């Protein structure tokens, strides 16, 4: 889902139509930054005010709400990078405005007025209403001159974008590209990392004893133990379940009363069932509120203090935290325990032997065996064996993906340009297997010739204009970034 949303947003970065701008500050709580020197960013001499950033950020949130079908929380705001996306879009618009100035784009008074008169927010009975226009601007602390200046910028930005994505393309060029697109292969592909082979290295107890019999090796193991001792020490831990009733400023008393009544009914025998029924912690709804084992520092202080102070197999609470009220069942406890060298000696030695065995020759031999095995699975289309190998070697697997000389691989496994040249060096007349190796991974591909569905010239041209337009736009924007000073005020974001 996240990938789909980010792709949709990336296609919108030059969407600067006037309607978006107007509806943002007319109806989403925009407050004019007029008179304020603060700006979230400057692009050359163009300032991006906090109000502009806020309206774009709000538009991003509305977009995600529609995509996800509901509200979004702070974690999702962070996950999808809404603040970063909002600022990125504003910087791109400012760069397009700079481009419009460089190529001499002009928005005259007549064009500005015509654009404003088309906006539905200023109409009464489908006619432009000058009084409504002035009232709406006044409510947002804007003068007609301020607003018309902003509309002029948006018109210039829009024209600059149209110049980038609309340019002539010859039919000959389209035909040549189509030839490359038609040169295609359908393939099954597997790919694995060379480093994943290290986990296949086995070390016997005899090898460990032999290794430790040398004083120099024993000294090495002791040094490793000393460096890792802090992480090997066992901290005091608790195994617990909990029931959470969430609170808000308005329902504190009601929830407290409810948790008191619940505390009278729970016991160690029915705690899991009661948690499944009553807890408002979604992660504990089906596992009896299980928090598993945890050490100090993982839970919020009030919860931690109550839990670590309780005796084994007892229920404590209600405990108030910022999340609400908790009932805590302390099921088991582990005392802090200092790591002892003898306990960890053999395991540490085993890891050192494993590292020594992972030589280039060993990994090369292992890689040859694995590659031979995978080639056999692809040749026989043995899905069961391939699924087994996928888990064993942590494989990436793509089946029936199309590869063409123009676009490369349609799936998630990528093949570099040099390997594509090998792949298309001659037409495939039968199913063939290819092995491509680089410093970090090996790709095995088994493919046969593929004939793509034909597309008419108009569709080809439209697709090409769109594709090249985006590429050209980004190249020009990137070039502008190198020549225009861009400063970000992180304090205001």
Protein backbone atom coordinates (compact mmCIF):
# COMPACT_ATOMS: atom_id res chain seq x y z
CA UNK A 1 0.00 0.00 0.00
CA UNK A 2 2.77 2.43 0.95
CA UNK A 3 4.50 1.90 -2.40
CA UNK A 4 1.26 2.51 -4.31
CA UNK A 5 0.59 5.75 -2.45
CA UNK A 6 4.13 7.08 -2.90
CA UNK A 7 3.95 6.35 -6.63
CA UNK A 8 0.65 8.22 -6.89
CA UNK A 9 2.10 11.18 -5.03
CA UNK A 10 5.25 11.31 -7.15
CA UNK A 11 3.07 11.72 -10.24
CA UNK A 12 1.45 14.78 -8.67
CA UNK A 13 4.54 16.90 -7.96
CA UNK A 14 3.82 19.39 -10.77
CA UNK A 15 0.06 19.55 -10.18
CA UNK A 16 -0.18 23.30 -9.63
CA UNK A 17 -3.66 24.08 -10.92
CA UNK A 18 -5.26 27.15 -9.39
CA UNK A 19 -8.19 25.25 -7.89
CA UNK A 20 -5.92 23.28 -5.55
CA UNK A 21 -4.25 26.45 -4.32
CA UNK A 22 -7.51 28.33 -3.74
CA UNK A 23 -9.44 25.55 -2.03
CA UNK A 24 -6.47 24.91 0.26
CA UNK A 25 -6.43 28.31 1.92
CA UNK A 26 -10.10 29.18 1.49
CA UNK A 27 -11.46 26.17 3.28
CA UNK A 28 -8.75 24.37 5.31
CA UNK A 29 -7.95 26.90 8.00
CA UNK A 30 -5.14 28.74 6.19
CA UNK A 31 -3.84 31.81 7.99
CA UNK A 32 -1.97 34.45 6.01
CA UNK A 33 1.72 34.85 6.80
CA UNK A 34 1.61 38.46 5.60
CA UNK A 35 3.85 40.57 7.74
CA UNK A 36 5.75 37.56 9.12
CA UNK A 37 9.41 37.17 8.11
CA UNK A 38 9.36 33.42 8.80
CA UNK A 39 9.59 31.02 5.86
CA UNK A 40 10.01 27.24 5.84
CA UNK A 41 12.30 27.52 2.82
CA UNK A 42 13.71 29.91 0.25
CA UNK A 43 14.34 29.02 -3.40
CA UNK A 44 16.50 31.82 -4.75
CA UNK A 45 14.59 34.96 -3.81
CA UNK A 46 11.27 33.07 -3.63
CA UNK A 47 10.09 32.46 -0.05
CA UNK A 48 7.89 29.50 0.88
CA UNK A 49 5.81 30.74 3.81
CA UNK A 50 4.69 28.54 6.67
CA UNK A 51 1.06 29.00 5.59
CA UNK A 52 1.84 27.61 2.13
CA UNK A 53 3.61 24.65 3.71
CA UNK A 54 0.67 24.01 6.06
CA UNK A 55 -1.91 24.06 3.24
CA UNK A 56 0.19 21.64 1.14
CA UNK A 57 0.70 19.39 4.18
CA UNK A 58 -3.09 19.41 4.77
CA UNK A 59 -3.65 18.50 1.12
CA UNK A 60 -1.21 15.59 1.49
CA UNK A 61 -3.12 14.36 4.56
CA UNK A 62 -6.46 14.56 2.72
CA UNK A 63 -4.96 12.60 -0.19
CA UNK A 64 -3.78 9.83 2.15
CA UNK A 65 -7.12 9.76 3.97
CA UNK A 66 -8.87 9.08 0.66
CA UNK A 67 -6.31 6.41 -0.26
CA UNK A 68 -6.56 4.68 3.13
CA UNK A 69 -10.28 5.23 3.63
CA UNK A 70 -10.08 7.02 6.99
CA UNK A 71 -7.95 9.10 9.31
CA UNK A 72 -4.17 8.71 9.52
CA UNK A 73 -2.12 8.73 12.73
CA UNK A 74 1.25 10.29 13.54
CA UNK A 75 3.10 7.04 12.79
CA UNK A 76 1.62 6.95 9.28
CA UNK A 77 2.51 10.63 8.78
CA UNK A 78 6.11 9.63 9.54
CA UNK A 79 5.98 6.38 7.54
CA UNK A 80 4.76 8.02 4.34
CA UNK A 81 6.91 11.13 4.76
CA UNK A 82 4.03 13.61 4.45
CA UNK A 83 6.01 16.59 5.73
CA UNK A 84 8.92 15.83 3.43
CA UNK A 85 6.56 15.34 0.48
CA UNK A 86 4.79 18.64 1.17
CA UNK A 87 8.05 20.59 1.25
CA UNK A 88 9.36 18.75 -1.82
CA UNK A 89 6.26 19.73 -3.82
CA UNK A 90 6.56 23.38 -2.80
CA UNK A 91 10.26 23.51 -3.73
CA UNK A 92 9.46 21.92 -7.12
CA UNK A 93 6.77 24.55 -7.75
CA UNK A 94 9.16 27.33 -6.82
CA UNK A 95 11.77 25.90 -9.23
CA UNK A 96 9.15 25.74 -12.00
CA UNK A 97 8.36 29.38 -11.30
CA UNK A 98 12.08 30.18 -11.69
CA UNK A 99 12.04 28.27 -14.98
CA UNK A 100 9.04 30.24 -16.22
CA UNK A 101 10.97 33.44 -15.54
CA UNK A 102 14.04 32.13 -17.38
CA UNK A 103 12.05 31.31 -20.54
CA UNK A 104 10.05 34.55 -20.41
CA UNK A 105 6.60 33.21 -19.50
CA UNK A 106 4.23 36.11 -18.80
CA UNK A 107 0.80 36.23 -17.12
CA UNK A 108 -1.02 39.43 -18.09
CA UNK A 109 -3.84 41.17 -16.17
CA UNK A 110 -6.49 39.90 -18.61
CA UNK A 111 -5.31 36.30 -18.23
CA UNK A 112 -5.23 36.60 -14.43
CA UNK A 113 -8.76 38.02 -14.27
CA UNK A 114 -10.04 35.38 -16.67
CA UNK A 115 -8.58 32.63 -14.49
CA UNK A 116 -10.06 34.08 -11.28
CA UNK A 117 -13.51 34.42 -12.86
CA UNK A 118 -13.55 30.67 -13.63
CA UNK A 119 -13.11 29.72 -9.97
CA UNK A 120 -16.37 28.39 -8.46
CA UNK A 121 -15.67 29.82 -4.98
CA UNK A 122 -16.27 33.35 -6.24
CA UNK A 123 -19.50 32.63 -8.15
CA UNK A 124 -23.16 33.26 -7.37
CA UNK A 125 -25.68 31.58 -9.70
CA UNK A 126 -22.77 30.54 -11.92
CA UNK A 127 -21.65 34.16 -12.35
CA UNK A 128 -18.52 35.83 -10.93
CA UNK A 129 -19.50 37.79 -7.81
CA UNK A 130 -17.10 40.64 -7.03
CA UNK A 131 -18.51 41.06 -3.52
CA UNK A 132 -18.03 37.36 -2.68
CA UNK A 133 -14.49 37.63 -4.07
CA UNK A 134 -13.61 40.53 -1.78
CA UNK A 135 -15.32 38.99 1.28
CA UNK A 136 -13.53 35.63 0.96
CA UNK A 137 -10.17 37.31 0.49
CA UNK A 138 -10.80 39.61 3.45
CA UNK A 139 -11.69 36.66 5.72
CA UNK A 140 -8.29 35.16 4.87
CA UNK A 141 -6.41 38.44 5.45
CA UNK A 142 -5.61 38.83 1.74
CA UNK A 143 -6.00 41.80 -0.58
CA UNK A 144 -7.04 41.34 -4.24
CA UNK A 145 -3.54 42.45 -5.23
CA UNK A 146 -1.94 39.73 -3.05
CA UNK A 147 -4.23 37.07 -4.43
CA UNK A 148 -3.84 38.12 -8.06
CA UNK A 149 -0.07 38.07 -7.63
CA UNK A 150 -0.30 34.48 -6.36
CA UNK A 151 -2.58 33.47 -9.25
CA UNK A 152 -0.06 34.97 -11.69
CA UNK A 153 2.66 32.76 -10.19
CA UNK A 154 0.48 29.68 -10.53
CA UNK A 155 -0.35 30.47 -14.17
CA UNK A 156 3.34 30.91 -14.97
CA UNK A 157 4.20 27.65 -13.18
CA UNK A 158 1.44 25.81 -15.03
CA UNK A 159 2.62 27.11 -18.42
CA UNK A 160 6.24 26.16 -17.61
CA UNK A 161 5.11 22.61 -16.83
CA UNK A 162 3.11 22.41 -20.06
CA UNK A 163 6.18 23.52 -22.01
CA UNK A 164 8.17 20.68 -20.49
CA UNK A 165 5.70 17.88 -21.18
CA UNK A 166 4.59 18.91 -24.68
CA UNK A 167 7.26 18.73 -27.35
CA UNK A 168 7.44 17.21 -30.88
CA UNK A 169 8.52 13.60 -31.38
CA UNK A 170 9.21 12.10 -34.83
CA UNK A 171 7.41 8.97 -36.02
CA UNK A 172 10.80 7.45 -36.88
CA UNK A 173 11.91 7.79 -33.26
CA UNK A 174 8.70 6.09 -32.10
CA UNK A 175 9.24 3.22 -34.55
CA UNK A 176 12.81 2.67 -33.40
CA UNK A 177 11.75 2.59 -29.74
CA UNK A 178 8.96 0.13 -30.58
CA UNK A 179 11.51 -2.21 -32.15
CA UNK A 180 13.42 -2.27 -28.86
CA UNK A 181 10.20 -2.83 -26.91
CA UNK A 182 9.27 -5.78 -29.13
CA UNK A 183 12.63 -7.43 -28.52
CA UNK A 184 11.41 -9.23 -25.39
CA UNK A 185 11.83 -12.33 -23.24
CA UNK A 186 9.51 -14.02 -20.75
CA UNK A 187 11.52 -15.42 -17.88
CA UNK A 188 11.61 -17.07 -14.48
CA UNK A 189 14.33 -15.50 -12.32
CA UNK A 190 15.96 -16.31 -8.99
CA UNK A 191 18.50 -14.15 -7.21
CA UNK A 192 20.48 -14.67 -4.03
CA UNK A 193 23.03 -12.74 -2.01
CA UNK A 194 26.48 -14.28 -1.62
CA UNK A 195 26.50 -13.28 2.04
CA UNK A 196 23.44 -15.49 2.64
CA UNK A 197 25.65 -18.54 1.98
CA UNK A 198 27.61 -17.88 5.16
CA UNK A 199 24.70 -19.10 7.29
CA UNK A 200 25.03 -22.51 5.61
CA UNK A 201 28.48 -23.02 7.12
CA UNK A 202 28.43 -25.74 9.77
CA UNK A 203 30.93 -26.14 12.60
CA UNK A 204 31.20 -29.43 14.53
CA UNK A 205 31.93 -29.78 18.25
CA UNK A 206 35.21 -31.48 17.31
CA UNK A 207 36.25 -28.43 15.28
CA UNK A 208 35.47 -26.18 18.26
CA UNK A 209 37.56 -28.35 20.64
CA UNK A 210 40.48 -28.42 18.21
CA UNK A 211 40.29 -24.64 17.82
CA UNK A 212 40.27 -24.03 21.58
CA UNK A 213 43.19 -26.38 22.17
CA UNK A 214 45.53 -23.65 20.90
CA UNK A 215 46.40 -21.00 23.48
CA UNK A 216 46.33 -18.17 20.94
CA UNK A 217 42.77 -19.10 19.94
CA UNK A 218 41.64 -19.32 23.58
CA UNK A 219 43.06 -15.84 24.13
CA UNK A 220 41.12 -14.57 21.10
CA UNK A 221 37.87 -16.00 22.47
CA UNK A 222 38.50 -14.36 25.86
CA UNK A 223 39.06 -11.00 24.16
CA UNK A 224 35.77 -11.37 22.27
CA UNK A 225 33.97 -12.25 25.51
CA UNK A 226 35.34 -9.13 27.24
CA UNK A 227 34.20 -6.89 24.38
CA UNK A 228 30.71 -8.43 24.34
CA UNK A 229 30.22 -9.04 28.06
CA UNK A 230 27.81 -6.15 28.62
CA UNK A 231 25.45 -7.44 25.94
CA UNK A 232 25.83 -11.03 27.20
CA UNK A 233 24.89 -10.11 30.78
CA UNK A 234 21.29 -11.09 31.52
CA UNK A 235 19.26 -8.14 32.78
CA UNK A 236 16.35 -8.51 35.18
CA UNK A 237 13.31 -9.49 33.14
CA UNK A 238 9.57 -9.93 33.57
CA UNK A 239 7.03 -11.98 31.68
CA UNK A 240 3.66 -10.21 31.86
CA UNK A 241 0.19 -9.73 30.40
CA UNK A 242 -1.91 -6.59 30.74
CA UNK A 243 -5.39 -5.17 30.21
CA UNK A 244 -5.53 -1.55 29.03
CA UNK A 245 -8.51 0.78 29.17
CA UNK A 246 -7.65 3.98 27.27
CA UNK A 247 -8.47 7.42 28.63
CA UNK A 248 -9.09 10.90 27.31
CA UNK A 249 -9.20 14.16 29.34
CA UNK A 250 -12.99 13.90 29.33
CA UNK A 251 -13.49 10.27 30.47
CA UNK A 252 -10.86 9.84 33.21
CA UNK A 253 -13.34 9.27 36.06
CA UNK A 254 -15.58 6.91 34.09
CA UNK A 255 -12.66 4.75 32.95
CA UNK A 256 -11.17 4.68 36.46
CA UNK A 257 -14.47 3.42 37.82
CA UNK A 258 -14.65 0.78 35.10
CA UNK A 259 -11.09 -0.50 35.73
CA UNK A 260 -11.79 -0.74 39.49
CA UNK A 261 -14.83 -2.95 38.80
CA UNK A 262 -12.79 -5.03 36.33
CA UNK A 263 -9.98 -5.49 38.89
CA UNK A 264 -12.46 -7.17 41.23
CA UNK A 265 -13.32 -9.79 38.60
CA UNK A 266 -9.92 -10.77 37.17
CA UNK A 267 -7.72 -13.55 38.50
CA UNK A 268 -4.63 -15.39 37.29
CA UNK A 269 -6.93 -18.12 35.96
CA UNK A 270 -9.21 -15.91 33.86
CA UNK A 271 -6.80 -13.04 33.04
CA UNK A 272 -6.16 -14.04 29.43
CA UNK A 273 -9.85 -14.45 28.64
CA UNK A 274 -10.68 -11.13 30.34
CA UNK A 275 -7.88 -9.43 28.38
CA UNK A 276 -9.19 -10.76 25.08
CA UNK A 277 -12.61 -9.39 25.97
CA UNK A 278 -11.80 -6.03 27.59
CA UNK A 279 -8.34 -4.74 26.63
CA UNK A 280 -8.18 -1.76 24.27
CA UNK A 281 -4.62 -2.53 23.28
CA UNK A 282 -5.21 -3.95 19.78
CA UNK A 283 -2.01 -6.03 19.82
CA UNK A 284 -3.30 -7.90 22.90
CA UNK A 285 -6.85 -8.61 21.74
CA UNK A 286 -6.16 -12.19 20.64
CA UNK A 287 -3.22 -13.23 22.82
CA UNK A 288 -4.59 -12.45 26.28
CA UNK A 289 -2.68 -9.16 26.51
CA UNK A 290 0.68 -10.96 26.32
CA UNK A 291 3.70 -8.62 26.52
CA UNK A 292 6.20 -11.51 26.53
CA UNK A 293 9.55 -11.06 28.33
CA UNK A 294 10.90 -7.53 28.77
CA UNK A 295 13.70 -5.82 30.68
CA UNK A 296 13.79 -2.38 32.27
CA UNK A 297 13.71 0.53 29.88
CA UNK A 298 11.14 -0.88 27.47
CA UNK A 299 7.94 0.22 29.19
CA UNK A 300 6.80 3.65 30.39
CA UNK A 301 8.04 4.43 33.96
CA UNK A 302 4.76 4.01 35.96
CA UNK A 303 4.04 0.66 34.27
CA UNK A 304 7.63 -0.52 34.73
CA UNK A 305 7.81 0.49 38.38
CA UNK A 306 4.60 -1.37 39.26
CA UNK A 307 5.51 -4.49 37.28
CA UNK A 308 9.08 -4.90 38.60
CA UNK A 309 7.93 -4.25 42.18
CA UNK A 310 5.30 -7.03 42.06
CA UNK A 311 5.83 -10.62 43.08
CA UNK A 312 5.74 -13.51 40.61
CA UNK A 313 2.25 -14.70 39.57
CA UNK A 314 0.40 -11.70 41.01
CA UNK A 315 -1.90 -9.05 39.51
CA UNK A 316 -1.22 -5.35 40.17
CA UNK A 317 -3.23 -2.28 39.30
CA UNK A 318 -4.96 -0.20 38.30
CA UNK A 319 -1.76 1.54 37.10
CA UNK A 320 -2.16 4.93 35.42
CA UNK A 321 0.06 5.81 32.42
CA UNK A 322 -0.26 8.26 29.54
CA UNK A 323 -2.12 5.53 27.63
CA UNK A 324 -4.81 4.92 30.25
CA UNK A 325 -5.37 2.45 33.12
CA UNK A 326 -3.66 -0.97 33.22
CA UNK A 327 -4.12 -4.21 35.11
CA UNK A 328 -0.84 -6.16 35.03
CA UNK A 329 -0.39 -9.87 35.58
CA UNK A 330 3.27 -10.57 36.41
CA UNK A 331 3.52 -14.20 35.34
CA UNK A 332 7.23 -14.86 35.79
CA UNK A 333 10.51 -13.15 36.69
CA UNK A 334 14.20 -13.63 35.83
CA UNK A 335 16.83 -12.14 38.12
CA UNK A 336 19.75 -10.22 36.66
CA UNK A 337 22.63 -12.56 35.90
CA UNK A 338 26.23 -11.74 35.05
CA UNK A 339 27.65 -13.51 32.00
CA UNK A 340 30.22 -16.22 32.74
CA UNK A 341 33.00 -16.96 30.23
CA UNK A 342 32.63 -20.74 30.43
CA UNK A 343 28.93 -20.50 29.50
CA UNK A 344 29.62 -18.58 26.29
CA UNK A 345 33.08 -19.91 25.40
CA UNK A 346 32.07 -22.63 22.92
CA UNK A 347 29.52 -20.49 21.09
CA UNK A 348 32.00 -17.62 20.68
CA UNK A 349 34.65 -20.05 19.45
CA UNK A 350 32.16 -21.55 16.99
CA UNK A 351 31.52 -18.10 15.50
CA UNK A 352 35.26 -17.50 15.06
CA UNK A 353 35.71 -20.86 13.32
CA UNK A 354 32.74 -20.07 11.09
CA UNK A 355 34.28 -16.73 10.11
CA UNK A 356 37.58 -18.42 9.25
CA UNK A 357 35.83 -21.01 7.11
CA UNK A 358 33.98 -18.30 5.15
CA UNK A 359 36.92 -17.75 2.79
CA UNK A 360 36.52 -16.61 -0.81
CA UNK A 361 37.24 -20.14 -2.02
CA UNK A 362 34.63 -21.65 0.32
CA UNK A 363 31.98 -19.17 -0.72
CA UNK A 364 32.87 -19.70 -4.40
CA UNK A 365 32.49 -23.47 -4.01
CA UNK A 366 29.20 -23.04 -2.16
CA UNK A 367 27.97 -20.60 -4.77
CA UNK A 368 28.73 -23.08 -7.56
CA UNK A 369 26.72 -25.79 -5.77
CA UNK A 370 23.74 -23.51 -5.09
CA UNK A 371 23.72 -22.13 -8.63
CA UNK A 372 23.81 -25.64 -10.09
CA UNK A 373 20.91 -26.66 -7.83
CA UNK A 374 18.80 -23.63 -8.75
CA UNK A 375 19.43 -24.05 -12.48
CA UNK A 376 18.06 -27.58 -12.18
CA UNK A 377 14.93 -26.36 -10.33
CA UNK A 378 14.28 -23.71 -13.01
CA UNK A 379 14.84 -26.19 -15.84
CA UNK A 380 12.28 -28.64 -14.43
CA UNK A 381 9.90 -25.89 -13.19
CA UNK A 382 9.85 -27.70 -9.86
CA UNK A 383 7.79 -25.29 -7.74
CA UNK A 384 8.01 -27.40 -4.58
CA UNK A 385 11.80 -27.56 -4.69
CA UNK A 386 12.02 -23.89 -5.64
CA UNK A 387 9.87 -22.87 -2.65
CA UNK A 388 12.08 -24.98 -0.41
CA UNK A 389 15.22 -23.36 -1.85
CA UNK A 390 13.66 -19.90 -1.43
CA UNK A 391 13.49 -20.38 2.34
CA UNK A 392 16.88 -22.07 2.58
CA UNK A 393 18.84 -19.48 0.58
CA UNK A 394 16.65 -16.43 1.17
CA UNK A 395 15.98 -16.16 -2.56
CA UNK A 396 14.22 -13.47 -4.52
CA UNK A 397 11.96 -15.21 -7.04
CA UNK A 398 10.14 -13.74 -10.06
CA UNK A 399 8.03 -15.92 -12.35
CA UNK A 400 6.80 -15.14 -15.86
CA UNK A 401 8.20 -11.62 -15.89
CA UNK A 402 8.70 -9.81 -19.20
CA UNK A 403 12.08 -8.30 -20.06
CA UNK A 404 12.57 -6.04 -23.09
CA UNK A 405 15.56 -4.12 -24.45
CA UNK A 406 13.87 -0.79 -23.88
CA UNK A 407 12.59 -1.01 -20.27
CA UNK A 408 14.56 -3.91 -18.78
CA UNK A 409 12.84 -6.20 -16.24
CA UNK A 410 9.19 -5.58 -15.34
CA UNK A 411 9.53 -7.22 -11.90
CA UNK A 412 11.41 -6.29 -8.73
CA UNK A 413 14.63 -8.14 -9.64
CA UNK A 414 16.78 -5.80 -11.70
CA UNK A 415 19.40 -6.68 -14.32
CA UNK A 416 22.13 -4.15 -15.17
CA UNK A 417 22.78 -2.79 -18.66
CA UNK A 418 25.81 -5.03 -19.39
CA UNK A 419 23.85 -8.18 -18.54
CA UNK A 420 20.92 -7.02 -20.71
CA UNK A 421 23.34 -6.74 -23.63
CA UNK A 422 24.32 -10.39 -23.10
CA UNK A 423 20.67 -11.39 -22.82
CA UNK A 424 19.74 -9.75 -26.13
CA UNK A 425 23.00 -10.41 -28.00
CA UNK A 426 21.12 -12.84 -30.25
CA UNK A 427 17.45 -13.80 -30.71
CA UNK A 428 16.30 -16.68 -28.51
CA UNK A 429 15.07 -19.62 -30.58
CA UNK A 430 14.62 -21.89 -27.55
CA UNK A 431 14.45 -21.67 -23.78
CA UNK A 432 17.87 -20.82 -22.36
CA UNK A 433 19.43 -20.31 -18.93
CA UNK A 434 21.68 -17.36 -18.07
CA UNK A 435 23.78 -16.76 -14.94
CA UNK A 436 24.80 -13.21 -14.06
CA UNK A 437 27.23 -12.57 -11.20
CA UNK A 438 28.45 -9.39 -9.53
CA UNK A 439 30.35 -8.68 -6.33
CA UNK A 440 27.38 -9.18 -4.00
CA UNK A 441 24.82 -11.43 -5.69
CA UNK A 442 24.06 -14.03 -8.35
CA UNK A 443 21.06 -13.93 -10.69
CA UNK A 444 19.86 -17.01 -12.58
CA UNK A 445 17.42 -16.47 -15.41
CA UNK A 446 15.64 -19.00 -17.61
CA UNK A 447 13.73 -17.42 -20.47
CA UNK A 448 12.28 -17.74 -23.95
CA UNK A 449 11.24 -15.31 -26.69
CA UNK A 450 8.12 -13.24 -25.99
CA UNK A 451 5.90 -11.21 -28.34
CA UNK A 452 4.35 -8.15 -26.61
CA UNK A 453 0.84 -7.01 -27.47
CA UNK A 454 0.89 -4.38 -30.24
CA UNK A 455 0.01 -0.76 -29.41
CA UNK A 456 -1.25 1.80 -31.93
CA UNK A 457 0.98 4.73 -32.86
CA UNK A 458 -1.14 7.31 -31.06
CA UNK A 459 -0.95 5.37 -27.77
CA UNK A 460 2.79 4.87 -28.29
CA UNK A 461 3.27 8.59 -28.86
CA UNK A 462 1.11 9.61 -25.89
CA UNK A 463 2.97 7.22 -23.60
CA UNK A 464 6.31 8.43 -24.91
CA UNK A 465 5.43 12.11 -24.48
CA UNK A 466 4.36 11.42 -20.89
CA UNK A 467 7.48 9.39 -20.11
CA UNK A 468 9.97 11.73 -21.74
CA UNK A 469 8.13 14.75 -20.39
CA UNK A 470 8.62 13.54 -16.83
CA UNK A 471 12.28 12.74 -17.49
CA UNK A 472 12.92 16.12 -19.10
CA UNK A 473 11.06 17.92 -16.30
CA UNK A 474 13.13 16.23 -13.64
CA UNK A 475 16.44 16.85 -15.46
CA UNK A 476 15.66 20.56 -15.83
CA UNK A 477 14.50 20.79 -12.19
CA UNK A 478 17.70 19.02 -11.06
CA UNK A 479 19.76 21.44 -13.15
CA UNK A 480 17.94 24.40 -11.59
CA UNK A 481 18.68 23.02 -8.11
CA UNK A 482 22.39 23.32 -8.89
CA UNK A 483 22.11 26.96 -9.93
CA UNK A 484 19.50 28.22 -7.43
CA UNK A 485 20.18 28.58 -3.71
CA UNK A 486 17.71 26.43 -1.68
CA UNK A 487 17.59 26.88 2.09
CA UNK A 488 15.35 24.89 4.47
CA UNK A 489 14.26 26.20 7.88
CA UNK A 490 13.94 22.90 9.80
CA UNK A 491 12.86 24.76 12.95
CA UNK A 492 9.46 25.57 11.40
CA UNK A 493 8.70 22.06 10.07
